[in-house]
Amino acid sequence: LGAVPALGDVFDAAWKSNTMNVALLERHLAAPASTPGRRH
C-alpha cells in the first residue's frame, strides 16, 4: 500500500508496521514458556 503513488506515502506515515512487529516480538519474549514448543 505504501507503493501506491501519493496516497501510499500518507498510509506509510500512519501504518506503523515496525512498531507492531516489535510489539509482537516483545510479547513472545515476555510470555512465560509454559510448554516447550516445537523447535523449528
Full PDB file with SEQRES, HELIX, SHEET, SSBOND, CRYST1, ORIGX, SCALE, CONECT and MASTER records, all heavy atoms in Angstrom:
SEQRES   1 A   40  LEU GLY ALA VAL PRO ALA LEU GLY ASP VAL PHE ASP ALA          
SEQRES   2 A   40  ALA TRP LYS SER ASN THR MET ASN VAL ALA LEU LEU GLU          
SEQRES   3 A   40  ARG HIS LEU ALA ALA PRO ALA SER THR PRO GLY ARG ARG          
SEQRES   4 A   40  HIS                                                          
HELIX    1 AA1 LEU A    7  ALA A   14  1                                   8    
HELIX    2 AA2 SER A   17  ALA A   30  1                                  14    
CRYST1    1.000    1.000    1.000  90.00  90.00  90.00 P 1           1          
ORIGX1      1.000000  0.000000  0.000000        0.00000                         
ORIGX2      0.000000  1.000000  0.000000        0.00000                         
ORIGX3      0.000000  0.000000  1.000000        0.00000                         
SCALE1      1.000000  0.000000  0.000000        0.00000                         
SCALE2      0.000000  1.000000  0.000000        0.00000                         
SCALE3      0.000000  0.000000  1.000000        0.00000                         
ATOM      1  N   LEU A   1       0.823  -1.207   0.000  1.00  0.00           N  
ATOM      2  CA  LEU A   1       0.000   0.000   0.000  1.00  0.00           C  
ATOM      3  C   LEU A   1       0.860   1.261   0.000  1.00  0.00           C  
ATOM      4  O   LEU A   1       0.449   2.297  -0.513  1.00  0.00           O  
ATOM      5  CB  LEU A   1      -0.958  -0.002   1.189  1.00  0.00           C  
ATOM      6  CG  LEU A   1      -2.024  -1.099   1.137  1.00  0.00           C  
ATOM      7  CD1 LEU A   1      -2.923  -1.046   2.355  1.00  0.00           C  
ATOM      8  CD2 LEU A   1      -2.850  -1.012  -0.126  1.00  0.00           C  
ATOM      9  N   GLY A   2       2.068   1.168   0.553  1.00  0.00           N  
ATOM     10  CA  GLY A   2       2.979   2.301   0.520  1.00  0.00           C  
ATOM     11  C   GLY A   2       3.504   2.587  -0.870  1.00  0.00           C  
ATOM     12  O   GLY A   2       3.962   3.690  -1.165  1.00  0.00           O  
ATOM     13  N   ALA A   3       3.456   1.590  -1.759  1.00  0.00           N  
ATOM     14  CA  ALA A   3       3.956   1.766  -3.124  1.00  0.00           C  
ATOM     15  C   ALA A   3       2.973   2.533  -4.009  1.00  0.00           C  
ATOM     16  O   ALA A   3       3.343   2.957  -5.099  1.00  0.00           O  
ATOM     17  CB  ALA A   3       4.252   0.403  -3.748  1.00  0.00           C  
ATOM     18  N   VAL A   4       1.745   2.704  -3.558  1.00  0.00           N  
ATOM     19  CA  VAL A   4       0.769   3.473  -4.335  1.00  0.00           C  
ATOM     20  C   VAL A   4       1.207   4.938  -4.321  1.00  0.00           C  
ATOM     21  O   VAL A   4       1.414   5.509  -3.245  1.00  0.00           O  
ATOM     22  CB  VAL A   4      -0.651   3.326  -3.736  1.00  0.00           C  
ATOM     23  CG1 VAL A   4      -1.643   4.213  -4.467  1.00  0.00           C  
ATOM     24  CG2 VAL A   4      -1.090   1.875  -3.762  1.00  0.00           C  
ATOM     25  N   PRO A   5       1.386   5.533  -5.488  1.00  0.00           N  
ATOM     26  CA  PRO A   5       1.855   6.926  -5.518  1.00  0.00           C  
ATOM     27  C   PRO A   5       0.929   7.861  -4.743  1.00  0.00           C  
ATOM     28  O   PRO A   5      -0.288   7.724  -4.772  1.00  0.00           O  
ATOM     29  CB  PRO A   5       1.856   7.262  -7.009  1.00  0.00           C  
ATOM     30  CG  PRO A   5       1.985   5.938  -7.693  1.00  0.00           C  
ATOM     31  CD  PRO A   5       1.246   4.960  -6.816  1.00  0.00           C  
ATOM     32  N   ALA A   6       1.496   8.795  -4.043  1.00  0.00           N  
ATOM     33  CA  ALA A   6       0.843   9.856  -3.263  1.00  0.00           C  
ATOM     34  C   ALA A   6       0.102   9.305  -2.043  1.00  0.00           C  
ATOM     35  O   ALA A   6       0.516   9.558  -0.915  1.00  0.00           O  
ATOM     36  CB  ALA A   6      -0.071  10.698  -4.127  1.00  0.00           C  
ATOM     37  N   LEU A   7      -0.970   8.571  -2.219  1.00  0.00           N  
ATOM     38  CA  LEU A   7      -1.726   8.055  -1.080  1.00  0.00           C  
ATOM     39  C   LEU A   7      -0.910   7.070  -0.248  1.00  0.00           C  
ATOM     40  O   LEU A   7      -1.081   6.987   0.966  1.00  0.00           O  
ATOM     41  CB  LEU A   7      -3.020   7.387  -1.551  1.00  0.00           C  
ATOM     42  CG  LEU A   7      -4.075   8.313  -2.136  1.00  0.00           C  
ATOM     43  CD1 LEU A   7      -5.261   7.514  -2.639  1.00  0.00           C  
ATOM     44  CD2 LEU A   7      -4.516   9.333  -1.108  1.00  0.00           C  
ATOM     45  N   GLY A   8      -0.007   6.351  -0.892  1.00  0.00           N  
ATOM     46  CA  GLY A   8       0.827   5.397  -0.185  1.00  0.00           C  
ATOM     47  C   GLY A   8       1.747   6.058   0.820  1.00  0.00           C  
ATOM     48  O   GLY A   8       2.041   5.483   1.864  1.00  0.00           O  
ATOM     49  N   ASP A   9       2.183   7.267   0.517  1.00  0.00           N  
ATOM     50  CA  ASP A   9       3.067   7.973   1.446  1.00  0.00           C  
ATOM     51  C   ASP A   9       2.324   8.379   2.713  1.00  0.00           C  
ATOM     52  O   ASP A   9       2.875   8.307   3.811  1.00  0.00           O  
ATOM     53  CB  ASP A   9       3.678   9.194   0.760  1.00  0.00           C  
ATOM     54  CG  ASP A   9       4.534   8.782  -0.430  1.00  0.00           C  
ATOM     55  OD1 ASP A   9       5.278   7.801  -0.292  1.00  0.00           O  
ATOM     56  OD2 ASP A   9       4.423   9.427  -1.482  1.00  0.00           O  
ATOM     57  N   VAL A  10       1.075   8.769   2.571  1.00  0.00           N  
ATOM     58  CA  VAL A  10       0.249   9.097   3.741  1.00  0.00           C  
ATOM     59  C   VAL A  10      -0.011   7.823   4.548  1.00  0.00           C  
ATOM     60  O   VAL A  10       0.086   7.823   5.781  1.00  0.00           O  
ATOM     61  CB  VAL A  10      -1.078   9.765   3.310  1.00  0.00           C  
ATOM     62  CG1 VAL A  10      -1.991   9.972   4.495  1.00  0.00           C  
ATOM     63  CG2 VAL A  10      -0.795  11.075   2.593  1.00  0.00           C  
ATOM     64  N   PHE A  11      -0.317   6.736   3.843  1.00  0.00           N  
ATOM     65  CA  PHE A  11      -0.536   5.458   4.521  1.00  0.00           C  
ATOM     66  C   PHE A  11       0.725   5.026   5.259  1.00  0.00           C  
ATOM     67  O   PHE A  11       0.661   4.542   6.388  1.00  0.00           O  
ATOM     68  CB  PHE A  11      -0.959   4.386   3.514  1.00  0.00           C  
ATOM     69  CG  PHE A  11      -1.114   3.036   4.131  1.00  0.00           C  
ATOM     70  CD1 PHE A  11      -2.256   2.711   4.833  1.00  0.00           C  
ATOM     71  CD2 PHE A  11      -0.098   2.091   4.038  1.00  0.00           C  
ATOM     72  CE1 PHE A  11      -2.399   1.464   5.429  1.00  0.00           C  
ATOM     73  CE2 PHE A  11      -0.225   0.857   4.629  1.00  0.00           C  
ATOM     74  CZ  PHE A  11      -1.380   0.537   5.323  1.00  0.00           C  
ATOM     75  N   ASP A  12       1.875   5.202   4.608  1.00  0.00           N  
ATOM     76  CA  ASP A  12       3.152   4.828   5.211  1.00  0.00           C  
ATOM     77  C   ASP A  12       3.387   5.550   6.535  1.00  0.00           C  
ATOM     78  O   ASP A  12       3.940   4.975   7.474  1.00  0.00           O  
ATOM     79  CB  ASP A  12       4.290   5.182   4.247  1.00  0.00           C  
ATOM     80  CG  ASP A  12       5.146   3.987   3.902  1.00  0.00           C  
ATOM     81  OD1 ASP A  12       4.928   2.916   4.484  1.00  0.00           O  
ATOM     82  OD2 ASP A  12       6.037   4.139   3.052  1.00  0.00           O  
ATOM     83  N   ALA A  13       2.994   6.807   6.605  1.00  0.00           N  
ATOM     84  CA  ALA A  13       3.187   7.577   7.834  1.00  0.00           C  
ATOM     85  C   ALA A  13       2.250   7.103   8.943  1.00  0.00           C  
ATOM     86  O   ALA A  13       2.584   7.193  10.125  1.00  0.00           O  
ATOM     87  CB  ALA A  13       2.965   9.064   7.564  1.00  0.00           C  
ATOM     88  N   ALA A  14       1.081   6.581   8.570  1.00  0.00           N  
ATOM     89  CA  ALA A  14       0.096   6.168   9.569  1.00  0.00           C  
ATOM     90  C   ALA A  14       0.255   4.707  10.003  1.00  0.00           C  
ATOM     91  O   ALA A  14       0.011   4.372  11.156  1.00  0.00           O  
ATOM     92  CB  ALA A  14      -1.315   6.389   9.031  1.00  0.00           C  
ATOM     93  N   TRP A  15       0.651   3.830   9.086  1.00  0.00           N  
ATOM     94  CA  TRP A  15       0.764   2.400   9.367  1.00  0.00           C  
ATOM     95  C   TRP A  15       2.142   2.139   9.960  1.00  0.00           C  
ATOM     96  O   TRP A  15       3.151   2.259   9.292  1.00  0.00           O  
ATOM     97  CB  TRP A  15       0.569   1.607   8.076  1.00  0.00           C  
ATOM     98  CG  TRP A  15       0.608   0.134   8.239  1.00  0.00           C  
ATOM     99  CD1 TRP A  15       1.664  -0.692   7.978  1.00  0.00           C  
ATOM    100  CD2 TRP A  15      -0.452  -0.718   8.662  1.00  0.00           C  
ATOM    101  NE1 TRP A  15       1.331  -1.986   8.221  1.00  0.00           N  
ATOM    102  CE2 TRP A  15       0.040  -2.044   8.635  1.00  0.00           C  
ATOM    103  CE3 TRP A  15      -1.766  -0.495   9.067  1.00  0.00           C  
ATOM    104  CZ2 TRP A  15      -0.751  -3.128   9.000  1.00  0.00           C  
ATOM    105  CZ3 TRP A  15      -2.537  -1.581   9.418  1.00  0.00           C  
ATOM    106  CH2 TRP A  15      -2.037  -2.873   9.391  1.00  0.00           C  
ATOM    107  N   LYS A  16       2.193   1.784  11.210  1.00  0.00           N  
ATOM    108  CA  LYS A  16       3.448   1.598  11.947  1.00  0.00           C  
ATOM    109  C   LYS A  16       3.796   0.101  12.015  1.00  0.00           C  
ATOM    110  O   LYS A  16       3.751  -0.515  13.071  1.00  0.00           O  
ATOM    111  CB  LYS A  16       3.334   2.172  13.352  1.00  0.00           C  
ATOM    112  CG  LYS A  16       2.725   3.550  13.431  1.00  0.00           C  
ATOM    113  CD  LYS A  16       3.742   4.600  13.179  1.00  0.00           C  
ATOM    114  CE  LYS A  16       3.138   5.970  13.474  1.00  0.00           C  
ATOM    115  NZ  LYS A  16       3.717   6.998  12.714  1.00  0.00           N  
ATOM    116  N   SER A  17       4.143  -0.480  10.873  1.00  0.00           N  
ATOM    117  CA  SER A  17       4.381  -1.925  10.817  1.00  0.00           C  
ATOM    118  C   SER A  17       5.564  -2.348  11.673  1.00  0.00           C  
ATOM    119  O   SER A  17       5.529  -3.411  12.297  1.00  0.00           O  
ATOM    120  CB  SER A  17       4.589  -2.376   9.371  1.00  0.00           C  
ATOM    121  OG  SER A  17       5.764  -1.821   8.829  1.00  0.00           O  
ATOM    122  N   ASN A  18       6.602  -1.556  11.719  1.00  0.00           N  
ATOM    123  CA  ASN A  18       7.780  -1.932  12.507  1.00  0.00           C  
ATOM    124  C   ASN A  18       7.472  -1.919  14.001  1.00  0.00           C  
ATOM    125  O   ASN A  18       7.898  -2.812  14.734  1.00  0.00           O  
ATOM    126  CB  ASN A  18       8.943  -0.995  12.185  1.00  0.00           C  
ATOM    127  CG  ASN A  18       9.305  -1.071  10.727  1.00  0.00           C  
ATOM    128  OD1 ASN A  18       9.657  -2.129  10.221  1.00  0.00           O  
ATOM    129  ND2 ASN A  18       9.192   0.046  10.030  1.00  0.00           N  
ATOM    130  N   THR A  19       6.715  -0.931  14.441  1.00  0.00           N  
ATOM    131  CA  THR A  19       6.320  -0.871  15.849  1.00  0.00           C  
ATOM    132  C   THR A  19       5.428  -2.064  16.200  1.00  0.00           C  
ATOM    133  O   THR A  19       5.584  -2.668  17.268  1.00  0.00           O  
ATOM    134  CB  THR A  19       5.595   0.459  16.135  1.00  0.00           C  
ATOM    135  OG1 THR A  19       6.472   1.536  15.785  1.00  0.00           O  
ATOM    136  CG2 THR A  19       5.202   0.584  17.585  1.00  0.00           C  
ATOM    137  N   MET A  20       4.512  -2.407  15.299  1.00  0.00           N  
ATOM    138  CA  MET A  20       3.654  -3.572  15.534  1.00  0.00           C  
ATOM    139  C   MET A  20       4.481  -4.855  15.604  1.00  0.00           C  
ATOM    140  O   MET A  20       4.235  -5.723  16.446  1.00  0.00           O  
ATOM    141  CB  MET A  20       2.599  -3.686  14.426  1.00  0.00           C  
ATOM    142  CG  MET A  20       1.534  -2.616  14.476  1.00  0.00           C  
ATOM    143  SD  MET A  20       0.238  -2.875  13.260  1.00  0.00           S  
ATOM    144  CE  MET A  20       0.947  -2.087  11.836  1.00  0.00           C  
ATOM    145  N   ASN A  21       5.472  -4.967  14.712  1.00  0.00           N  
ATOM    146  CA  ASN A  21       6.293  -6.174  14.701  1.00  0.00           C  
ATOM    147  C   ASN A  21       7.160  -6.286  15.950  1.00  0.00           C  
ATOM    148  O   ASN A  21       7.338  -7.379  16.490  1.00  0.00           O  
ATOM    149  CB  ASN A  21       7.158  -6.214  13.440  1.00  0.00           C  
ATOM    150  CG  ASN A  21       6.337  -6.553  12.215  1.00  0.00           C  
ATOM    151  OD1 ASN A  21       5.213  -7.023  12.315  1.00  0.00           O  
ATOM    152  ND2 ASN A  21       6.907  -6.305  11.060  1.00  0.00           N  
ATOM    153  N   VAL A  22       7.687  -5.179  16.426  1.00  0.00           N  
ATOM    154  CA  VAL A  22       8.474  -5.211  17.666  1.00  0.00           C  
ATOM    155  C   VAL A  22       7.567  -5.588  18.837  1.00  0.00           C  
ATOM    156  O   VAL A  22       7.972  -6.349  19.722  1.00  0.00           O  
ATOM    157  CB  VAL A  22       9.189  -3.865  17.901  1.00  0.00           C  
ATOM    158  CG1 VAL A  22       9.774  -3.788  19.297  1.00  0.00           C  
ATOM    159  CG2 VAL A  22      10.286  -3.674  16.859  1.00  0.00           C  
ATOM    160  N   ALA A  23       6.337  -5.083  18.845  1.00  0.00           N  
ATOM    161  CA  ALA A  23       5.393  -5.457  19.909  1.00  0.00           C  
ATOM    162  C   ALA A  23       5.110  -6.957  19.876  1.00  0.00           C  
ATOM    163  O   ALA A  23       5.041  -7.609  20.935  1.00  0.00           O  
ATOM    164  CB  ALA A  23       4.103  -4.661  19.775  1.00  0.00           C  
ATOM    165  N   LEU A  24       4.956  -7.528  18.678  1.00  0.00           N  
ATOM    166  CA  LEU A  24       4.744  -8.975  18.566  1.00  0.00           C  
ATOM    167  C   LEU A  24       5.957  -9.743  19.088  1.00  0.00           C  
ATOM    168  O   LEU A  24       5.815 -10.735  19.803  1.00  0.00           O  
ATOM    169  CB  LEU A  24       4.473  -9.363  17.105  1.00  0.00           C  
ATOM    170  CG  LEU A  24       3.118  -8.973  16.535  1.00  0.00           C  
ATOM    171  CD1 LEU A  24       3.092  -9.193  15.033  1.00  0.00           C  
ATOM    172  CD2 LEU A  24       2.012  -9.759  17.215  1.00  0.00           C  
ATOM    173  N   LEU A  25       7.137  -9.281  18.740  1.00  0.00           N  
ATOM    174  CA  LEU A  25       8.365  -9.933  19.203  1.00  0.00           C  
ATOM    175  C   LEU A  25       8.494  -9.832  20.718  1.00  0.00           C  
ATOM    176  O   LEU A  25       8.792 -10.828  21.390  1.00  0.00           O  
ATOM    177  CB  LEU A  25       9.583  -9.310  18.515  1.00  0.00           C  
ATOM    178  CG  LEU A  25      10.952  -9.804  18.968  1.00  0.00           C  
ATOM    179  CD1 LEU A  25      11.101 -11.301  18.717  1.00  0.00           C  
ATOM    180  CD2 LEU A  25      12.051  -9.032  18.265  1.00  0.00           C  
ATOM    181  N   GLU A  26       8.256  -8.648  21.262  1.00  0.00           N  
ATOM    182  CA  GLU A  26       8.371  -8.468  22.712  1.00  0.00           C  
ATOM    183  C   GLU A  26       7.326  -9.285  23.461  1.00  0.00           C  
ATOM    184  O   GLU A  26       7.599  -9.822  24.533  1.00  0.00           O  
ATOM    185  CB  GLU A  26       8.260  -6.991  23.079  1.00  0.00           C  
ATOM    186  CG  GLU A  26       9.477  -6.202  22.686  1.00  0.00           C  
ATOM    187  CD  GLU A  26       9.354  -4.715  22.969  1.00  0.00           C  
ATOM    188  OE1 GLU A  26       8.214  -4.213  23.112  1.00  0.00           O  
ATOM    189  OE2 GLU A  26      10.405  -4.053  23.048  1.00  0.00           O  
ATOM    190  N   ARG A  27       6.130  -9.393  22.899  1.00  0.00           N  
ATOM    191  CA  ARG A  27       5.086 -10.202  23.528  1.00  0.00           C  
ATOM    192  C   ARG A  27       5.514 -11.665  23.589  1.00  0.00           C  
ATOM    193  O   ARG A  27       5.305 -12.345  24.580  1.00  0.00           O  
ATOM    194  CB  ARG A  27       3.779 -10.055  22.748  1.00  0.00           C  
ATOM    195  CG  ARG A  27       2.581 -10.584  23.490  1.00  0.00           C  
ATOM    196  CD  ARG A  27       1.270 -10.298  22.767  1.00  0.00           C  
ATOM    197  NE  ARG A  27       1.176  -8.912  22.333  1.00  0.00           N  
ATOM    198  CZ  ARG A  27       0.773  -8.541  21.112  1.00  0.00           C  
ATOM    199  NH1 ARG A  27       0.406  -9.428  20.228  1.00  0.00           N  
ATOM    200  NH2 ARG A  27       0.713  -7.265  20.794  1.00  0.00           N  
ATOM    201  N   HIS A  28       6.143 -12.129  22.515  1.00  0.00           N  
ATOM    202  CA  HIS A  28       6.626 -13.510  22.502  1.00  0.00           C  
ATOM    203  C   HIS A  28       7.745 -13.712  23.522  1.00  0.00           C  
ATOM    204  O   HIS A  28       7.763 -14.708  24.243  1.00  0.00           O  
ATOM    205  CB  HIS A  28       7.133 -13.886  21.109  1.00  0.00           C  
ATOM    206  CG  HIS A  28       7.950 -15.129  21.086  1.00  0.00           C  
ATOM    207  ND1 HIS A  28       7.404 -16.381  21.269  1.00  0.00           N  
ATOM    208  CD2 HIS A  28       9.285 -15.323  20.952  1.00  0.00           C  
ATOM    209  CE1 HIS A  28       8.366 -17.287  21.235  1.00  0.00           C  
ATOM    210  NE2 HIS A  28       9.517 -16.673  21.040  1.00  0.00           N  
ATOM    211  N   LEU A  29       8.672 -12.759  23.586  1.00  0.00           N  
ATOM    212  CA  LEU A  29       9.794 -12.893  24.507  1.00  0.00           C  
ATOM    213  C   LEU A  29       9.365 -12.779  25.964  1.00  0.00           C  
ATOM    214  O   LEU A  29       9.980 -13.386  26.845  1.00  0.00           O  
ATOM    215  CB  LEU A  29      10.866 -11.848  24.196  1.00  0.00           C  
ATOM    216  CG  LEU A  29      11.585 -12.016  22.857  1.00  0.00           C  
ATOM    217  CD1 LEU A  29      12.505 -10.839  22.605  1.00  0.00           C  
ATOM    218  CD2 LEU A  29      12.337 -13.331  22.799  1.00  0.00           C  
ATOM    219  N   ALA A  30       8.308 -12.004  26.229  1.00  0.00           N  
ATOM    220  CA  ALA A  30       7.845 -11.811  27.599  1.00  0.00           C  
ATOM    221  C   ALA A  30       6.953 -12.943  28.086  1.00  0.00           C  
ATOM    222  O   ALA A  30       6.800 -13.131  29.296  1.00  0.00           O  
ATOM    223  CB  ALA A  30       7.081 -10.491  27.714  1.00  0.00           C  
ATOM    224  N   ALA A  31       6.374 -13.706  27.157  1.00  0.00           N  
ATOM    225  CA  ALA A  31       5.456 -14.775  27.550  1.00  0.00           C  
ATOM    226  C   ALA A  31       6.242 -15.894  28.226  1.00  0.00           C  
ATOM    227  O   ALA A  31       7.286 -16.312  27.744  1.00  0.00           O  
ATOM    228  CB  ALA A  31       4.724 -15.318  26.328  1.00  0.00           C  
ATOM    229  N   PRO A  32       5.718 -16.370  29.367  1.00  0.00           N  
ATOM    230  CA  PRO A  32       6.406 -17.482  30.025  1.00  0.00           C  
ATOM    231  C   PRO A  32       6.277 -18.746  29.174  1.00  0.00           C  
ATOM    232  O   PRO A  32       5.211 -19.038  28.629  1.00  0.00           O  
ATOM    233  CB  PRO A  32       5.660 -17.630  31.360  1.00  0.00           C  
ATOM    234  CG  PRO A  32       4.324 -17.019  31.115  1.00  0.00           C  
ATOM    235  CD  PRO A  32       4.523 -15.955  30.071  1.00  0.00           C  
ATOM    236  N   ALA A  33       7.353 -19.442  29.035  1.00  0.00           N  
ATOM    237  CA  ALA A  33       7.352 -20.670  28.234  1.00  0.00           C  
ATOM    238  C   ALA A  33       6.800 -21.808  29.091  1.00  0.00           C  
ATOM    239  O   ALA A  33       7.542 -22.545  29.728  1.00  0.00           O  
ATOM    240  CB  ALA A  33       8.750 -20.990  27.753  1.00  0.00           C  
ATOM    241  N   SER A  34       5.465 -21.921  29.116  1.00  0.00           N  
ATOM    242  CA  SER A  34       4.844 -22.947  29.948  1.00  0.00           C  
ATOM    243  C   SER A  34       5.079 -24.338  29.373  1.00  0.00           C  
ATOM    244  O   SER A  34       5.359 -25.270  30.103  1.00  0.00           O  
ATOM    245  CB  SER A  34       3.348 -22.674  30.081  1.00  0.00           C  
ATOM    246  OG  SER A  34       2.749 -22.627  28.805  1.00  0.00           O  
ATOM    247  N   THR A  35       4.960 -24.471  28.078  1.00  0.00           N  
ATOM    248  CA  THR A  35       5.237 -25.751  27.448  1.00  0.00           C  
ATOM    249  C   THR A  35       6.305 -25.524  26.394  1.00  0.00           C  
ATOM    250  O   THR A  35       6.205 -24.603  25.590  1.00  0.00           O  
ATOM    251  CB  THR A  35       3.974 -26.330  26.775  1.00  0.00           C  
ATOM    252  OG1 THR A  35       3.515 -25.398  25.802  1.00  0.00           O  
ATOM    253  CG2 THR A  35       2.890 -26.613  27.776  1.00  0.00           C  
ATOM    254  N   PRO A  36       7.319 -26.345  26.415  1.00  0.00           N  
ATOM    255  CA  PRO A  36       8.354 -26.154  25.415  1.00  0.00           C  
ATOM    256  C   PRO A  36       7.795 -26.422  24.024  1.00  0.00           C  
ATOM    257  O   PRO A  36       7.296 -27.503  23.739  1.00  0.00           O  
ATOM    258  CB  PRO A  36       9.437 -27.171  25.799  1.00  0.00           C  
ATOM    259  CG  PRO A  36       8.772 -28.153  26.685  1.00  0.00           C  
ATOM    260  CD  PRO A  36       7.587 -27.465  27.287  1.00  0.00           C  
ATOM    261  N   GLY A  37       7.817 -25.420  23.201  1.00  0.00           N  
ATOM    262  CA  GLY A  37       7.284 -25.551  21.859  1.00  0.00           C  
ATOM    263  C   GLY A  37       8.221 -26.335  20.973  1.00  0.00           C  
ATOM    264  O   GLY A  37       9.376 -26.585  21.301  1.00  0.00           O  
ATOM    265  N   ARG A  38       7.681 -26.752  19.852  1.00  0.00           N  
ATOM    266  CA  ARG A  38       8.492 -27.478  18.901  1.00  0.00           C  
ATOM    267  C   ARG A  38       9.510 -26.519  18.301  1.00  0.00           C  
ATOM    268  O   ARG A  38       9.152 -25.464  17.790  1.00  0.00           O  
ATOM    269  CB  ARG A  38       7.588 -28.046  17.803  1.00  0.00           C  
ATOM    270  CG  ARG A  38       8.303 -28.964  16.867  1.00  0.00           C  
ATOM    271  CD  ARG A  38       7.394 -29.307  15.750  1.00  0.00           C  
ATOM    272  NE  ARG A  38       7.211 -28.046  14.988  1.00  0.00           N  
ATOM    273  CZ  ARG A  38       6.597 -27.954  13.848  1.00  0.00           C  
ATOM    274  NH1 ARG A  38       6.044 -29.008  13.329  1.00  0.00           N  
ATOM    275  NH2 ARG A  38       6.477 -26.823  13.206  1.00  0.00           N  
ATOM    276  N   ARG A  39      10.765 -26.864  18.372  1.00  0.00           N  
ATOM    277  CA  ARG A  39      11.814 -26.011  17.803  1.00  0.00           C  
ATOM    278  C   ARG A  39      11.799 -26.200  16.299  1.00  0.00           C  
ATOM    279  O   ARG A  39      11.824 -27.306  15.804  1.00  0.00           O  
ATOM    280  CB  ARG A  39      13.179 -26.381  18.374  1.00  0.00           C  
ATOM    281  CG  ARG A  39      13.351 -25.964  19.809  1.00  0.00           C  
ATOM    282  CD  ARG A  39      14.724 -26.322  20.313  1.00  0.00           C  
ATOM    283  NE  ARG A  39      15.778 -25.760  19.490  1.00  0.00           N  
ATOM    284  CZ  ARG A  39      16.486 -24.695  19.808  1.00  0.00           C  
ATOM    285  NH1 ARG A  39      16.242 -24.067  20.932  1.00  0.00           N  
ATOM    286  NH2 ARG A  39      17.440 -24.251  19.025  1.00  0.00           N  
ATOM    287  N   HIS A  40      11.727 -25.087  15.600  1.00  0.00           N  
ATOM    288  CA  HIS A  40      11.759 -25.196  14.152  1.00  0.00           C  
ATOM    289  C   HIS A  40      13.161 -24.911  13.646  1.00  0.00           C  
ATOM    290  O   HIS A  40      13.987 -24.349  14.345  1.00  0.00           O  
ATOM    291  CB  HIS A  40      10.727 -24.273  13.506  1.00  0.00           C  
ATOM    292  CG  HIS A  40      10.762 -22.862  13.998  1.00  0.00           C  
ATOM    293  ND1 HIS A  40      10.010 -22.439  15.060  1.00  0.00           N  
ATOM    294  CD2 HIS A  40      11.482 -21.791  13.587  1.00  0.00           C  
ATOM    295  CE1 HIS A  40      10.249 -21.157  15.282  1.00  0.00           C  
ATOM    296  NE2 HIS A  40      11.137 -20.748  14.404  1.00  0.00           N  
TER     297      HIS A  40                                                      
MASTER        0    0    0    2    0    0    0    6  296    1    0    4          
END                                                                             
